[in-house]
């Protein structure tokens, strides 16, 4: 079976650039699998503590802003749509539209982070932040809930920031003509990563915001 690897002559004709789209996509799927293992382990930890401190988890979840959580879910789902549209536009060689949808995805991701920033700020103002005296004064199960909440949503936020950085690079590559329909793999793989980020949040929403 062919590996679909091939060589391309660069614009200067000075050499060859090795391309292996099948290998690249396989590597991306393996990376995404390790990300699932990471978050899957955290979900298991959450499940264990939830079983032990069900009442405390329900009580603590009642202090989270459900509307902010739901709004951020809508924002991320919309960003997944704009990412798909960006990839589709690039595949049709409509570079301007690909940039428009990609910039929309970036703005939606930044909106997600801003909402999360204000949400975290409100929790910090009320002393519901890891390491504070108020957290230590709460029932043990509630303290565990908030520590898991900040750790898991914080880790997810880091993935969002990474995604924004990569998308900005790709936007610039479309702008300068180095990312086109002929080598659109980077945008497609970034789209897969972004869909995983959205999927993780869809699991985080009921675990923390809808558990009461």
Foldseek 3Di string as FASTA:
>chain_A
DDQPWDWDQDPVSPDTDIDRLSVVVVVLVVVLVVVCVVVVVLVVVLVVLCVVPVVLLVVLLVPADLVLLVVLLVLLVVLLVLLVQLLVCQLVFNLVSNLVSLVSSLVSLVVSVVSVVVRVVVCVVVQLAPPGPVLVPDPPSNSVNSVSLCVLVVVLNVLSVVLSVLSVVVSVCSVVVNDGSVNVSSSVSSSVSSVSSSVSSVVVSCSRNVSD
